[in-house]
Amino acid sequence: MATKRRSFVLIPLLLLACALIGGIYGQRLQPATAASADKDIQSGMRQFTDVYDTLDKNFADKVNPDKAIFKGAIPGMLRTLDPHSNFFDPKDFENLREDQRGRYAGVGMSVVSRNGKTVVVVPFVGSPAYKAGLRPGDTIEMVNDKTTEGLDSTKVAELLRGQKGTPVQIHIAREGYEKPLVFNIVRDDINRKSVPEIFSLKPKIGYIRVEQFNETTGREFEEGLKELNEDQLEGLVLDLRSNPGGLLTEAVSIVDHLIGKGDVIVSHKGRNSPERIYTARTGNKGKAYPIVVIVNRNSASAAEIVSGALQDHDRAWVIGENTFGKGLVQTVFPLAENTGLTLTTARYYTPSGRLIQRDYSNVSFFDYYYRNNTEQRNPDDVKMTDGGRTVYGGGGISPDEKFTPEKLTPLEIQLLVKFAFSEYTKHFFAVHKEKLPDGWAVSNTDMEQFHNWLLEKKLEFTEADFTKDFAKVKRRLQAEIYKTGFSVDDASKYEIQTDPEVEAAIAALPKAQALLASTRKIVVERRAK
């Protein structure tokens, strides 16, 4: 009955999606134009109904209406518009809302499918899974009375989730133990931090990494600055690498705290969306410490709004790679049956007026997402920063200083593809059951043992390659061991502190300071004229 009832809304849902995309609602059209548009839509819907009816009656196999419409017709229609408009079925729509809220109920760990099994990547610090003692590398064999054999990690993750306060039993296989370990855990609210790393790189030099922009990001950022004792800061490294974006309001909140009151943060406008300009309501209240922002090719949307605003106002020195170039405003339209539609309704512009969005008109969606050319820009979209520097639109945010991460060596690639670091870590703790002391580090003896283990596992490499990549391999191994020996937070902190790009960002802070000073002087002289 539920399936039948659900099928009753399929065609109306498609009609609603078409209406939204066609702009039926909210347009002010001339009567003749509106009548013509209505006639075209009605004709198109009749054709769609005829096609679906013919397919339903004559196709060789029974037609699944969910698959035909939700997975086929509607997404296919949206793909004719732009790369980012999307339809979400009930499960995906709930996941979208969870991402925006930054919380869900469960045990609090990430899992992945590996060699046909579901493996714990990491339990989140402070979560029920973390408190119960689950480790990275543990293999999940059963959840309650259901075996995980044949299930992918997504299905297993669904089994682990549930209402707060409900129990779940997890059977784990762990190297060094002959029998499965049984963990009885009570689910709880899991708050995923969007600002997971906040600490001092050096005295009075702070570091903040923003992973995404959800409903708590602005508050987390403010709390992070308090933790760093903002009044005493002499520099800040803001890491936005691989940040896919998120909520506009949270990006605005971060920029508001860092620029002058009344300064423009971002604007957007579209066909049926009048221009809206966002400005700093409170401002930085005179706090003008130098900032270096780190970005890469996967920094997108809200991350580009933040980096673009700070660059246009010469408030920060941007280092890294050209960002993704995603400057389309996605409006979420909840639909019937707990489904939803994210539809492009406008385009974002930085304070100087440059368009963030990269051109997608003459490329396939595959090339758009997995492009090799990251230097794209519109030579006709030329703007100036507050200090008079030239910036371009139409291709994301171009950094002030290029930093291209060093490519992985063949040995590193093989070790990562074969999961050598995580697999060895399981072996390491099967042998070393005692707790690691504070300040523990991988020694040359540990590296020799790792080297011998690789040979036992018949991984092919030359001694010359191992010697050449010794320092890189040692760094990766220590970070992986830290996840189990200490926590994922300690592992991330270690990786950040030893990251060459973070070191380059620290070295660039004097450039950010000089930029602030020169821009302040130029603005004062401009106002005096």
Protein backbone atom coordinates (compact mmCIF):
# COMPACT_ATOMS: atom_id res chain seq x y z
CA MET A 1 0.00 0.00 0.00
CA ALA A 2 2.87 2.38 0.83
CA THR A 3 4.41 1.81 -2.59
CA LYS A 4 1.08 2.39 -4.31
CA ARG A 5 0.44 5.54 -2.29
CA ARG A 6 3.94 6.78 -3.10
CA SER A 7 3.36 6.25 -6.82
CA PHE A 8 0.37 8.60 -6.69
CA VAL A 9 2.69 11.56 -6.07
CA LEU A 10 5.32 10.76 -8.70
CA ILE A 11 3.69 12.61 -11.58
CA PRO A 12 2.60 15.61 -9.43
CA LEU A 13 6.17 15.81 -8.11
CA LEU A 14 7.54 15.91 -11.62
CA LEU A 15 4.98 18.58 -12.49
CA LEU A 16 6.07 20.63 -9.47
CA ALA A 17 9.74 20.26 -10.39
CA CYS A 18 8.99 21.37 -13.94
CA ALA A 19 7.00 24.29 -12.61
CA LEU A 20 9.88 25.41 -10.41
CA ILE A 21 12.45 24.98 -13.15
CA GLY A 22 10.24 26.60 -15.76
CA GLY A 23 9.68 29.50 -13.41
CA ILE A 24 5.88 29.29 -13.46
CA TYR A 25 5.55 30.62 -9.94
CA GLY A 26 6.64 34.15 -9.16
CA GLN A 27 7.18 35.36 -12.74
CA ARG A 28 5.67 38.53 -14.08
CA LEU A 29 5.08 37.65 -17.70
CA GLN A 30 2.96 39.23 -20.36
CA PRO A 31 -0.37 37.34 -20.66
CA ALA A 32 0.39 36.07 -24.16
CA THR A 33 3.85 34.85 -23.07
CA ALA A 34 2.45 33.16 -19.96
CA ALA A 35 -0.29 31.44 -21.96
CA SER A 36 2.27 30.22 -24.49
CA ALA A 37 4.56 28.91 -21.75
CA ASP A 38 1.66 27.13 -20.03
CA LYS A 39 0.64 25.53 -23.32
CA ASP A 40 4.19 24.29 -23.98
CA ILE A 41 4.46 22.80 -20.49
CA GLN A 42 1.09 21.11 -20.72
CA SER A 43 2.05 19.63 -24.09
CA GLY A 44 5.38 18.43 -22.69
CA MET A 45 3.72 16.81 -19.69
CA ARG A 46 1.21 15.01 -21.92
CA GLN A 47 4.11 13.62 -23.93
CA PHE A 48 5.90 12.54 -20.74
CA THR A 49 2.73 10.83 -19.46
CA ASP A 50 2.30 9.04 -22.80
CA VAL A 51 5.91 7.84 -22.76
CA TYR A 52 5.67 6.64 -19.16
CA ASP A 53 2.35 4.89 -19.79
CA THR A 54 3.78 3.10 -22.86
CA LEU A 55 6.88 2.12 -20.92
CA ASP A 56 4.83 0.86 -17.96
CA LYS A 57 2.62 -1.31 -20.17
CA ASN A 58 5.17 -2.68 -22.62
CA PHE A 59 8.66 -2.80 -21.08
CA ALA A 60 10.10 -6.32 -20.79
CA ASP A 61 10.47 -6.08 -17.01
CA LYS A 62 8.26 -4.52 -14.37
CA VAL A 63 8.93 -0.77 -14.19
CA ASN A 64 10.04 0.64 -10.85
CA PRO A 65 8.41 4.11 -10.78
CA ASP A 66 10.88 5.42 -8.16
CA LYS A 67 13.82 4.47 -10.36
CA ALA A 68 12.23 5.70 -13.59
CA ILE A 69 11.20 9.11 -12.28
CA PHE A 70 13.27 9.91 -9.16
CA LYS A 71 16.49 8.41 -10.47
CA GLY A 72 15.89 9.02 -14.17
CA ALA A 73 13.43 11.63 -15.41
CA ILE A 74 13.87 14.36 -12.80
CA PRO A 75 17.71 14.18 -12.50
CA GLY A 76 17.92 13.99 -16.31
CA MET A 77 15.87 17.17 -16.60
CA LEU A 78 18.01 18.97 -14.03
CA ARG A 79 21.23 17.98 -15.80
CA THR A 80 20.12 20.06 -18.80
CA LEU A 81 20.33 23.20 -16.62
CA ASP A 82 23.61 23.33 -14.72
CA PRO A 83 26.01 21.05 -12.81
CA HIS A 84 24.63 21.81 -9.35
CA SER A 85 20.81 21.70 -9.47
CA ASN A 86 19.85 18.36 -7.97
CA PHE A 87 16.93 16.21 -6.80
CA PHE A 88 17.06 14.35 -3.47
CA ASP A 89 15.02 11.27 -2.62
CA PRO A 90 13.88 10.99 1.03
CA LYS A 91 17.10 9.34 2.24
CA ASP A 92 19.40 11.75 0.42
CA PHE A 93 17.29 14.74 1.47
CA GLU A 94 17.54 13.74 5.13
CA ASN A 95 21.32 13.33 4.71
CA LEU A 96 21.46 16.84 3.23
CA ARG A 97 19.61 18.24 6.23
CA GLU A 98 21.91 16.34 8.60
CA ASP A 99 24.94 17.86 6.88
CA GLN A 100 23.42 21.32 7.25
CA ARG A 101 22.55 20.77 10.90
CA GLY A 102 25.92 19.17 11.65
CA ARG A 103 24.41 16.47 13.86
CA TYR A 104 22.70 13.09 13.81
CA ALA A 105 21.99 10.24 16.23
CA GLY A 106 24.24 7.18 16.21
CA VAL A 107 27.45 5.76 17.65
CA GLY A 108 29.82 8.33 16.15
CA MET A 109 32.35 6.78 13.80
CA SER A 110 33.10 6.70 10.09
CA VAL A 111 33.30 3.39 8.26
CA VAL A 112 34.47 2.31 4.81
CA SER A 113 34.20 -0.77 2.60
CA ARG A 114 37.58 -2.45 2.17
CA ASN A 115 38.23 -5.80 0.52
CA GLY A 116 34.60 -6.81 0.93
CA LYS A 117 34.46 -5.91 4.62
CA THR A 118 33.31 -2.87 6.57
CA VAL A 119 36.18 -1.29 8.47
CA VAL A 120 36.20 1.47 11.07
CA VAL A 121 38.08 4.48 9.72
CA VAL A 122 37.98 6.42 12.96
CA PRO A 123 35.69 6.85 15.97
CA PHE A 124 34.96 10.54 16.63
CA VAL A 125 36.52 11.89 19.80
CA GLY A 126 34.03 11.88 22.67
CA SER A 127 31.44 9.75 20.81
CA PRO A 128 29.87 6.55 22.22
CA ALA A 129 32.07 4.49 19.86
CA TYR A 130 35.20 6.32 21.07
CA LYS A 131 34.27 5.88 24.74
CA ALA A 132 33.49 2.20 24.19
CA GLY A 133 36.99 1.59 22.84
CA LEU A 134 36.50 0.96 19.13
CA ARG A 135 39.64 1.49 17.06
CA PRO A 136 40.56 2.47 13.51
CA GLY A 137 40.96 -0.74 11.52
CA ASP A 138 38.39 -2.75 13.48
CA THR A 139 36.28 -4.91 11.16
CA ILE A 140 32.53 -4.83 11.84
CA GLU A 141 31.12 -8.35 11.55
CA MET A 142 27.65 -7.89 13.03
CA VAL A 143 25.33 -5.07 14.09
CA ASN A 144 22.79 -6.38 16.59
CA ASP A 145 21.77 -9.74 15.09
CA LYS A 146 22.44 -8.77 11.46
CA THR A 147 25.62 -9.85 9.69
CA THR A 148 27.46 -7.24 7.64
CA GLU A 149 28.52 -9.79 5.04
CA GLY A 150 27.46 -8.60 1.62
CA LEU A 151 26.58 -5.09 2.88
CA ASP A 152 28.40 -1.97 1.74
CA SER A 153 29.54 0.66 4.24
CA THR A 154 26.48 2.83 3.58
CA LYS A 155 24.13 0.03 4.65
CA VAL A 156 26.24 -0.69 7.73
CA ALA A 157 26.26 3.01 8.66
CA GLU A 158 22.46 2.98 8.49
CA LEU A 159 22.36 0.03 10.90
CA LEU A 160 24.58 1.93 13.33
CA ARG A 161 22.34 4.99 13.30
CA GLY A 162 19.17 5.21 15.33
CA GLN A 163 17.31 7.22 17.92
CA LYS A 164 19.22 8.73 20.82
CA GLY A 165 19.17 6.45 23.86
CA THR A 166 18.62 3.21 21.95
CA PRO A 167 21.12 0.34 22.36
CA VAL A 168 23.13 -1.27 19.59
CA GLN A 169 25.45 -4.29 19.80
CA ILE A 170 28.50 -4.39 17.54
CA HIS A 171 30.66 -7.48 16.92
CA ILE A 172 34.23 -6.55 15.97
CA ALA A 173 37.14 -8.57 14.58
CA ARG A 174 40.48 -7.16 15.73
CA GLU A 175 43.98 -8.38 14.96
CA GLY A 176 45.56 -10.03 17.99
CA TYR A 177 42.25 -11.38 19.30
CA GLU A 178 41.06 -14.87 18.37
CA LYS A 179 37.36 -14.24 19.07
CA PRO A 180 35.19 -11.28 18.04
CA LEU A 181 34.93 -8.43 20.53
CA VAL A 182 31.39 -7.44 21.50
CA PHE A 183 30.56 -3.80 22.24
CA ASN A 184 27.20 -2.78 23.71
CA ILE A 185 26.74 0.91 22.94
CA VAL A 186 23.94 3.39 23.56
CA ARG A 187 23.36 5.76 20.66
CA ASP A 188 23.61 9.48 21.29
CA ASP A 189 23.46 12.77 19.41
CA ILE A 190 26.63 13.11 17.33
CA ASN A 191 27.72 16.67 16.71
CA ARG A 192 30.14 16.80 13.80
CA LYS A 193 32.32 19.85 14.18
CA SER A 194 32.63 21.94 11.04
CA VAL A 195 35.70 23.62 12.59
CA PRO A 196 37.60 20.53 13.76
CA GLU A 197 41.08 22.02 14.28
CA ILE A 198 41.86 25.06 16.42
CA PHE A 199 45.28 25.45 18.02
CA SER A 200 48.43 27.60 18.07
CA LEU A 201 51.07 26.77 15.49
CA LYS A 202 53.49 29.05 17.30
CA PRO A 203 53.11 31.52 20.17
CA LYS A 204 50.42 34.03 19.10
CA ILE A 205 50.08 32.38 15.66
CA GLY A 206 46.71 30.64 15.43
CA TYR A 207 45.42 27.96 13.09
CA ILE A 208 41.77 27.27 12.25
CA ARG A 209 40.51 24.74 9.73
CA VAL A 210 36.94 25.05 8.50
CA GLU A 211 35.85 21.70 7.03
CA GLN A 212 32.42 22.81 5.78
CA PHE A 213 29.78 25.46 6.47
CA ASN A 214 26.82 24.14 8.46
CA GLU A 215 24.47 25.70 11.01
CA THR A 216 27.13 25.81 13.76
CA THR A 217 30.16 27.07 11.79
CA GLY A 218 29.92 30.75 12.72
CA ARG A 219 29.59 29.95 16.41
CA GLU A 220 32.44 27.41 16.28
CA PHE A 221 34.67 29.97 14.56
CA GLU A 222 33.93 32.61 17.21
CA GLU A 223 34.63 30.12 19.99
CA GLY A 224 37.86 29.14 18.26
CA LEU A 225 39.10 32.72 18.19
CA LYS A 226 38.32 33.05 21.90
CA GLU A 227 40.26 29.84 22.54
CA LEU A 228 43.22 31.34 20.65
CA ASN A 229 42.95 34.55 22.70
CA GLU A 230 42.20 36.70 19.65
CA ASP A 231 43.20 39.99 21.31
CA GLN A 232 46.77 38.69 21.55
CA LEU A 233 46.98 37.15 18.05
CA GLU A 234 49.80 38.26 15.78
CA GLY A 235 48.73 36.07 12.88
CA LEU A 236 46.09 33.55 11.80
CA VAL A 237 46.24 30.72 9.26
CA LEU A 238 42.71 29.95 7.99
CA ASP A 239 42.64 26.60 6.21
CA LEU A 240 39.80 26.16 3.67
CA ARG A 241 41.36 23.35 1.63
CA SER A 242 38.84 20.84 0.24
CA ASN A 243 35.99 22.72 1.91
CA PRO A 244 32.98 22.05 -0.39
CA GLY A 245 30.95 24.98 0.97
CA GLY A 246 27.58 24.93 2.65
CA LEU A 247 25.40 27.62 4.19
CA LEU A 248 25.83 31.21 2.99
CA THR A 249 24.84 32.64 6.37
CA GLU A 250 27.79 30.94 8.07
CA ALA A 251 30.28 32.17 5.47
CA VAL A 252 28.92 35.69 5.96
CA SER A 253 29.29 35.29 9.73
CA ILE A 254 32.99 34.42 9.48
CA VAL A 255 33.84 37.27 7.10
CA ASP A 256 31.81 39.71 9.23
CA HIS A 257 34.15 39.04 12.14
CA LEU A 258 37.29 39.75 10.09
CA ILE A 259 36.56 42.87 8.00
CA GLY A 260 35.43 46.44 8.75
CA LYS A 261 31.85 47.22 9.72
CA GLY A 262 29.78 48.12 6.67
CA ASP A 263 32.16 46.49 4.18
CA VAL A 264 30.57 44.30 1.50
CA ILE A 265 30.95 40.55 2.01
CA VAL A 266 29.14 39.10 -1.03
CA SER A 267 26.19 39.75 -3.30
CA HIS A 268 23.94 37.56 -5.41
CA LYS A 269 21.38 38.08 -8.12
CA GLY A 270 19.42 36.00 -10.62
CA ARG A 271 16.58 36.08 -13.13
CA ASN A 272 13.84 35.96 -10.49
CA SER A 273 16.08 36.94 -7.58
CA PRO A 274 16.73 40.67 -7.10
CA GLU A 275 20.24 41.66 -6.12
CA ARG A 276 21.00 41.24 -2.44
CA ILE A 277 24.14 42.65 -0.88
CA TYR A 278 25.50 41.29 2.40
CA THR A 279 27.61 43.66 4.50
CA ALA A 280 29.46 43.33 7.80
CA ARG A 281 27.07 44.25 10.60
CA THR A 282 29.51 44.19 13.51
CA GLY A 283 32.92 44.14 11.85
CA ASN A 284 36.30 43.27 13.34
CA LYS A 285 36.20 46.09 15.94
CA GLY A 286 39.72 47.16 15.10
CA LYS A 287 41.30 43.70 15.26
CA ALA A 288 43.57 43.66 12.24
CA TYR A 289 46.09 40.86 12.72
CA PRO A 290 47.50 39.40 9.45
CA ILE A 291 45.67 36.43 7.95
CA VAL A 292 46.80 33.82 5.44
CA VAL A 293 44.05 31.74 3.82
CA ILE A 294 44.95 28.34 2.35
CA VAL A 295 42.81 27.06 -0.54
CA ASN A 296 43.00 24.35 -3.18
CA ARG A 297 41.12 23.20 -6.28
CA ASN A 298 38.44 21.59 -4.09
CA SER A 299 37.66 24.73 -2.09
CA ALA A 300 34.21 25.70 -3.34
CA SER A 301 31.09 27.81 -2.87
CA ALA A 302 31.00 29.26 0.67
CA ALA A 303 34.76 28.69 0.98
CA GLU A 304 35.21 30.86 -2.12
CA ILE A 305 32.91 33.52 -0.69
CA VAL A 306 35.14 33.76 2.38
CA SER A 307 38.47 33.71 0.54
CA GLY A 308 37.18 36.05 -2.19
CA ALA A 309 35.87 38.63 0.30
CA LEU A 310 39.08 38.62 2.35
CA GLN A 311 41.15 38.92 -0.83
CA ASP A 312 39.05 41.75 -2.33
CA HIS A 313 39.41 43.78 0.87
CA ASP A 314 43.14 42.92 1.04
CA ARG A 315 42.39 41.56 4.48
CA ALA A 316 44.21 38.28 3.84
CA TRP A 317 46.97 36.80 1.72
CA VAL A 318 45.62 33.78 -0.18
CA ILE A 319 47.97 30.86 -0.83
CA GLY A 320 47.45 27.56 -2.67
CA GLU A 321 45.71 26.62 -5.92
CA ASN A 322 42.88 28.16 -7.92
CA THR A 323 39.62 27.27 -6.20
CA PHE A 324 36.83 25.22 -7.79
CA GLY A 325 34.73 28.09 -9.17
CA LYS A 326 31.29 27.21 -7.80
CA GLY A 327 29.37 30.47 -7.49
CA LEU A 328 25.78 29.36 -8.01
CA VAL A 329 23.18 30.03 -5.32
CA GLN A 330 21.34 26.79 -4.49
CA THR A 331 17.88 27.26 -3.04
CA VAL A 332 16.40 24.21 -1.29
CA PHE A 333 12.77 23.47 -2.18
CA PRO A 334 11.18 20.80 0.08
CA LEU A 335 8.74 18.68 -1.93
CA ALA A 336 6.14 16.05 -1.12
CA GLU A 337 7.03 12.61 0.26
CA ASN A 338 10.08 14.02 2.13
CA THR A 339 11.92 14.70 -1.11
CA GLY A 340 13.64 17.93 -2.06
CA LEU A 341 15.12 19.96 -4.87
CA THR A 342 18.21 22.17 -4.81
CA LEU A 343 17.82 24.63 -7.63
CA THR A 344 20.18 27.32 -8.91
CA THR A 345 18.39 30.64 -8.43
CA ALA A 346 21.21 33.21 -8.58
CA ARG A 347 24.97 33.77 -8.89
CA TYR A 348 27.49 34.94 -6.29
CA TYR A 349 29.73 37.98 -6.75
CA THR A 350 32.67 39.02 -4.56
CA PRO A 351 32.82 42.53 -3.00
CA SER A 352 34.69 43.88 -6.05
CA GLY A 353 31.92 42.54 -8.30
CA ARG A 354 33.70 39.58 -9.89
CA LEU A 355 31.75 36.42 -10.65
CA ILE A 356 32.93 33.33 -8.76
CA GLN A 357 31.29 30.75 -11.05
CA ARG A 358 33.41 28.99 -13.66
CA ASP A 359 31.98 28.65 -17.17
CA TYR A 360 30.30 25.28 -17.77
CA SER A 361 28.51 26.00 -21.05
CA ASN A 362 30.85 24.16 -23.41
CA VAL A 363 32.13 21.26 -21.32
CA SER A 364 30.71 17.97 -20.12
CA PHE A 365 29.81 17.63 -16.46
CA PHE A 366 32.65 15.12 -16.10
CA ASP A 367 35.19 17.66 -17.39
CA TYR A 368 33.58 20.34 -15.22
CA TYR A 369 34.07 18.35 -12.02
CA TYR A 370 37.35 16.64 -12.87
CA ARG A 371 39.04 19.37 -14.87
CA ASN A 372 42.77 19.56 -15.42
CA ASN A 373 42.82 23.26 -16.29
CA THR A 374 42.54 25.15 -13.03
CA GLU A 375 43.74 28.47 -14.45
CA GLN A 376 40.46 29.40 -16.12
CA ARG A 377 39.32 33.03 -15.80
CA ASN A 378 37.32 35.57 -17.74
CA PRO A 379 39.61 38.27 -19.20
CA ASP A 380 36.59 40.57 -19.50
CA ASP A 381 35.75 40.25 -15.79
CA VAL A 382 38.56 42.41 -14.39
CA LYS A 383 38.16 44.07 -11.00
CA MET A 384 40.32 45.77 -8.37
CA THR A 385 40.84 45.04 -4.69
CA ASP A 386 40.63 47.80 -2.05
CA GLY A 387 44.36 48.29 -2.39
CA GLY A 388 44.27 48.46 -6.19
CA ARG A 389 45.41 44.93 -7.05
CA THR A 390 43.95 43.32 -10.18
CA VAL A 391 41.69 40.29 -9.73
CA TYR A 392 39.68 38.28 -12.26
CA GLY A 393 36.28 36.64 -12.18
CA GLY A 394 34.82 33.61 -13.89
CA GLY A 395 37.25 31.03 -12.55
CA GLY A 396 36.99 30.77 -8.80
CA ILE A 397 39.51 32.56 -6.60
CA SER A 398 43.11 32.79 -7.82
CA PRO A 399 45.61 32.73 -4.95
CA ASP A 400 48.04 35.57 -4.35
CA GLU A 401 50.76 32.97 -4.00
CA LYS A 402 50.75 29.64 -5.78
CA PHE A 403 51.51 26.50 -3.83
CA THR A 404 51.19 23.18 -5.59
CA PRO A 405 51.37 20.18 -3.26
CA GLU A 406 54.11 17.74 -4.09
CA LYS A 407 52.84 14.75 -6.07
CA LEU A 408 52.73 11.34 -4.45
CA THR A 409 55.64 9.09 -5.29
CA PRO A 410 55.05 5.58 -6.69
CA LEU A 411 55.88 4.08 -3.28
CA GLU A 412 53.43 6.37 -1.46
CA ILE A 413 50.70 5.53 -3.95
CA GLN A 414 51.25 1.80 -3.53
CA LEU A 415 51.22 2.03 0.27
CA LEU A 416 47.99 4.03 0.21
CA VAL A 417 46.24 1.86 -2.36
CA LYS A 418 47.15 -1.29 -0.42
CA PHE A 419 46.07 0.34 2.89
CA ALA A 420 49.53 -0.46 4.19
CA PHE A 421 49.60 2.23 6.90
CA SER A 422 46.26 1.30 8.46
CA GLU A 423 46.88 -2.45 8.12
CA TYR A 424 50.29 -2.17 9.76
CA THR A 425 48.79 -0.05 12.54
CA LYS A 426 46.46 -2.94 13.41
CA HIS A 427 49.50 -5.24 13.53
CA PHE A 428 51.45 -2.68 15.59
CA PHE A 429 48.83 -2.52 18.34
CA ALA A 430 48.32 -6.28 18.29
CA VAL A 431 51.98 -6.47 19.34
CA HIS A 432 52.21 -3.24 21.42
CA LYS A 433 49.26 -3.50 23.80
CA GLU A 434 50.64 -0.95 26.26
CA LYS A 435 49.48 2.68 26.04
CA LEU A 436 51.80 4.95 24.06
CA PRO A 437 53.52 7.60 26.21
CA ASP A 438 52.95 11.30 25.57
CA GLY A 439 55.31 12.62 22.92
CA TRP A 440 55.80 9.19 21.35
CA ALA A 441 57.23 9.28 17.84
CA VAL A 442 58.06 6.70 15.19
CA SER A 443 61.69 5.67 15.64
CA ASN A 444 64.14 4.27 13.13
CA THR A 445 63.59 0.88 14.74
CA ASP A 446 59.84 1.24 14.13
CA MET A 447 60.57 2.11 10.51
CA GLU A 448 62.76 -0.97 10.16
CA GLN A 449 59.93 -3.13 11.52
CA PHE A 450 57.50 -1.49 9.10
CA HIS A 451 59.95 -2.13 6.26
CA ASN A 452 60.20 -5.81 7.17
CA TRP A 453 56.42 -6.12 7.48
CA LEU A 454 56.04 -4.69 3.95
CA LEU A 455 58.42 -7.35 2.68
CA GLU A 456 56.44 -10.07 4.47
CA LYS A 457 53.26 -8.80 2.79
CA LYS A 458 55.09 -8.96 -0.54
CA LEU A 459 54.67 -5.29 -1.43
CA GLU A 460 57.07 -4.53 -4.25
CA PHE A 461 59.45 -1.59 -3.81
CA THR A 462 63.12 -0.87 -4.16
CA GLU A 463 65.41 -0.08 -1.27
CA ALA A 464 66.34 3.12 -3.07
CA ASP A 465 62.68 4.22 -3.12
CA PHE A 466 62.23 3.42 0.57
CA THR A 467 65.34 5.42 1.44
CA LYS A 468 64.29 8.34 -0.76
CA ASP A 469 60.77 8.47 0.70
CA PHE A 470 61.83 7.62 4.25
CA ALA A 471 60.73 10.95 5.80
CA LYS A 472 57.38 11.02 3.96
CA VAL A 473 56.56 7.42 4.86
CA LYS A 474 57.55 8.01 8.47
CA ARG A 475 55.23 11.04 8.69
CA ARG A 476 52.26 9.12 7.27
CA LEU A 477 52.90 6.13 9.52
CA GLN A 478 53.10 8.28 12.64
CA ALA A 479 49.84 10.05 11.79
CA GLU A 480 48.09 6.69 11.29
CA ILE A 481 49.41 5.25 14.55
CA TYR A 482 48.33 8.41 16.39
CA LYS A 483 44.68 7.74 15.42
CA THR A 484 44.66 4.59 17.52
CA GLY A 485 47.36 5.42 20.07
CA PHE A 486 45.93 8.83 20.91
CA SER A 487 43.00 10.18 18.84
CA VAL A 488 42.09 11.37 15.37
CA ASP A 489 42.42 14.95 16.68
CA ASP A 490 46.02 14.30 17.73
CA ALA A 491 46.73 12.71 14.36
CA SER A 492 45.29 15.70 12.49
CA LYS A 493 47.23 18.16 14.64
CA TYR A 494 50.47 16.30 13.95
CA GLU A 495 49.81 16.24 10.19
CA ILE A 496 49.00 19.95 10.16
CA GLN A 497 52.07 20.94 12.15
CA THR A 498 54.30 19.02 9.71
CA ASP A 499 52.44 20.10 6.54
CA PRO A 500 54.76 21.96 4.09
CA GLU A 501 51.86 24.16 2.91
CA VAL A 502 51.03 25.22 6.46
CA GLU A 503 54.70 26.03 6.95
CA ALA A 504 54.56 28.14 3.77
CA ALA A 505 51.47 29.91 5.13
CA ILE A 506 53.31 30.81 8.33
CA ALA A 507 56.19 32.14 6.23
CA ALA A 508 53.69 34.26 4.24
CA LEU A 509 52.28 36.09 7.28
CA PRO A 510 54.68 39.06 6.79
CA LYS A 511 53.24 39.44 3.27
CA ALA A 512 49.76 39.58 4.75
CA GLN A 513 50.95 42.20 7.24
CA ALA A 514 52.51 44.30 4.47
CA LEU A 515 49.30 44.00 2.43
CA LEU A 516 47.25 45.28 5.37
CA ALA A 517 49.57 48.24 5.90
CA SER A 518 49.73 49.30 2.23
CA THR A 519 45.97 48.97 1.74
CA ARG A 520 45.20 50.97 4.86
CA LYS A 521 47.45 53.75 3.58
CA ILE A 522 45.86 53.71 0.10
CA VAL A 523 42.33 53.79 1.50
CA VAL A 524 43.15 56.71 3.81
CA GLU A 525 44.70 58.67 0.92
CA ARG A 526 41.69 57.88 -1.30
CA ARG A 527 39.25 59.16 1.30
CA ALA A 528 41.29 62.32 1.83
CA LYS A 529 40.88 63.37 -1.82
